[in-house]
Structures are given as C-alpha cells and as structure tokens.
C-alpha atoms as a PDB file:
ATOM      1  CA  MET A   1      -5.523  12.069 -10.542  1.00  0.00           C
ATOM      2  CA  ALA A   2      -2.013  10.666 -11.071  1.00  0.00           C
ATOM      3  CA  ASP A   3      -1.504  10.470  -7.282  1.00  0.00           C
ATOM      4  CA  GLU A   4      -4.738   8.515  -6.935  1.00  0.00           C
ATOM      5  CA  LEU A   5      -3.696   6.050  -9.634  1.00  0.00           C
ATOM      6  CA  ASP A   6      -0.211   5.715  -8.129  1.00  0.00           C
ATOM      7  CA  GLY A   7      -1.800   5.058  -4.761  1.00  0.00           C
ATOM      8  CA  MET A   8      -4.090   2.391  -6.143  1.00  0.00           C
ATOM      9  CA  THR A   9      -1.270   0.755  -8.106  1.00  0.00           C
ATOM     10  CA  THR A  10       0.836   0.718  -4.956  1.00  0.00           C
ATOM     11  CA  PHE A  11      -2.026  -0.684  -2.874  1.00  0.00           C
ATOM     12  CA  VAL A  12      -2.594  -3.507  -5.364  1.00  0.00           C
ATOM     13  CA  ALA A  13       1.121  -4.354  -5.365  1.00  0.00           C
ATOM     14  CA  VAL A  14       1.202  -4.438  -1.548  1.00  0.00           C
ATOM     15  CA  ALA A  15      -1.970  -6.555  -1.404  1.00  0.00           C
ATOM     16  CA  GLU A  16      -0.679  -9.044  -3.976  1.00  0.00           C
ATOM     17  CA  THR A  17       2.863  -9.349  -2.600  1.00  0.00           C
ATOM     18  CA  GLN A  18       1.861  -8.938   1.070  1.00  0.00           C
ATOM     19  CA  GLY A  19       4.841  -6.706   1.775  1.00  0.00           C
ATOM     20  CA  PHE A  20       6.307  -3.282   1.152  1.00  0.00           C
ATOM     21  CA  ARG A  21       9.728  -4.514   0.073  1.00  0.00           C
ATOM     22  CA  ALA A  22       8.336  -6.955  -2.510  1.00  0.00           C
ATOM     23  CA  ALA A  23       5.864  -4.326  -3.738  1.00  0.00           C
ATOM     24  CA  GLY A  24       8.734  -1.864  -4.111  1.00  0.00           C
ATOM     25  CA  GLU A  25      10.740  -4.373  -6.127  1.00  0.00           C
ATOM     26  CA  ARG A  26       7.750  -4.978  -8.390  1.00  0.00           C
ATOM     27  CA  LEU A  27       7.181  -1.240  -8.883  1.00  0.00           C
ATOM     28  CA  GLY A  28      10.860  -0.289  -9.109  1.00  0.00           C
ATOM     29  CA  VAL A  29      10.802   1.985  -6.049  1.00  0.00           C
ATOM     30  CA  SER A  30      12.037   1.758  -2.457  1.00  0.00           C
ATOM     31  CA  HIS A  31       9.940   0.163   0.268  1.00  0.00           C
ATOM     32  CA  SER A  32       9.938   3.574   1.932  1.00  0.00           C
ATOM     33  CA  ALA A  33       8.307   5.125  -1.157  1.00  0.00           C
ATOM     34  CA  VAL A  34       5.696   2.360  -1.111  1.00  0.00           C
ATOM     35  CA  SER A  35       4.923   3.054   2.541  1.00  0.00           C
ATOM     36  CA  GLN A  36       4.609   6.808   1.980  1.00  0.00           C
ATOM     37  CA  THR A  37       2.393   6.392  -1.093  1.00  0.00           C
ATOM     38  CA  LEU A  38       0.110   3.971   0.726  1.00  0.00           C
ATOM     39  CA  ARG A  39      -0.059   6.278   3.755  1.00  0.00           C
ATOM     40  CA  ARG A  40      -1.147   9.185   1.501  1.00  0.00           C
ATOM     41  CA  LEU A  41      -3.838   6.993  -0.101  1.00  0.00           C
ATOM     42  CA  GLU A  42      -5.138   5.994   3.327  1.00  0.00           C
ATOM     43  CA  GLU A  43      -5.210   9.654   4.372  1.00  0.00           C
ATOM     44  CA  ARG A  44      -7.184  10.624   1.246  1.00  0.00           C
ATOM     45  CA  LEU A  45      -9.661   7.792   1.803  1.00  0.00           C
ATOM     46  CA  GLY A  46      -9.856   8.360   5.552  1.00  0.00           C
ATOM     47  CA  VAL A  47      -9.458   4.669   6.356  1.00  0.00           C
ATOM     48  CA  ALA A  48      -6.612   2.254   7.094  1.00  0.00           C
ATOM     49  CA  LEU A  49      -6.141  -0.281   4.300  1.00  0.00           C
ATOM     50  CA  VAL A  50      -3.341  -2.345   5.845  1.00  0.00           C
ATOM     51  CA  ARG A  51      -2.154  -3.307   9.317  1.00  0.00           C
ATOM     52  CA  ARG A  52       1.592  -2.916   9.531  1.00  0.00           C
ATOM     53  CA  THR A  53       3.884  -4.709  11.943  1.00  0.00           C
ATOM     54  CA  THR A  54       7.642  -4.994  11.878  1.00  0.00           C
ATOM     55  CA  ARG A  55       7.330  -8.432  10.301  1.00  0.00           C
ATOM     56  CA  SER A  56       4.155  -8.449   8.252  1.00  0.00           C
ATOM     57  CA  VAL A  57       1.494  -6.550   6.373  1.00  0.00           C
ATOM     58  CA  HIS A  58      -2.158  -7.599   6.507  1.00  0.00           C
ATOM     59  CA  LEU A  59      -5.159  -6.063   4.796  1.00  0.00           C
ATOM     60  CA  THR A  60      -7.811  -4.516   7.025  1.00  0.00           C
ATOM     61  CA  GLU A  61     -11.473  -5.207   6.296  1.00  0.00           C
ATOM     62  CA  ALA A  62     -11.572  -1.979   4.266  1.00  0.00           C
ATOM     63  CA  GLY A  63      -8.483  -3.086   2.358  1.00  0.00           C
ATOM     64  CA  LYS A  64     -10.071  -6.458   1.590  1.00  0.00           C
ATOM     65  CA  ARG A  65     -13.223  -4.743   0.291  1.00  0.00           C
ATOM     66  CA  LEU A  66     -11.211  -2.369  -1.867  1.00  0.00           C
END
C-alpha cells in the first residue's frame, strides 16, 4: 500500500511540475528516484503514464485521465 501511495504522490508531482528534476526537488528525492518510482507505478498499472524525452515529460492519455 505504501508503494502505491508513493507512486501516486510521485506521479502527481511529475504531472504538476512537468519534470522529474522539479518533482524530485518538491519531494526531497533525486530525479532518478522519481523516475524509478514512476516506472514501478506504470508497471503495476500496466500502462504508460508519461512520455519521456531527454528534454521533456508529457502525460499520455492514460496519465491525463488518472
């Protein structure tokens, strides 16, 4: 349960800040930890929530619905 809540908290931070680094700063963790937590959430849900590029992060349709 804690992992699920951490994943959701991380997803919300990424969605609101539109970046892993800014989300990490907000949450007090590294951008790498944000990326790993979000990846685990996506694996549990079986759907991609964000599109990652080297310069940006965008929500997928599933991420927008969530």
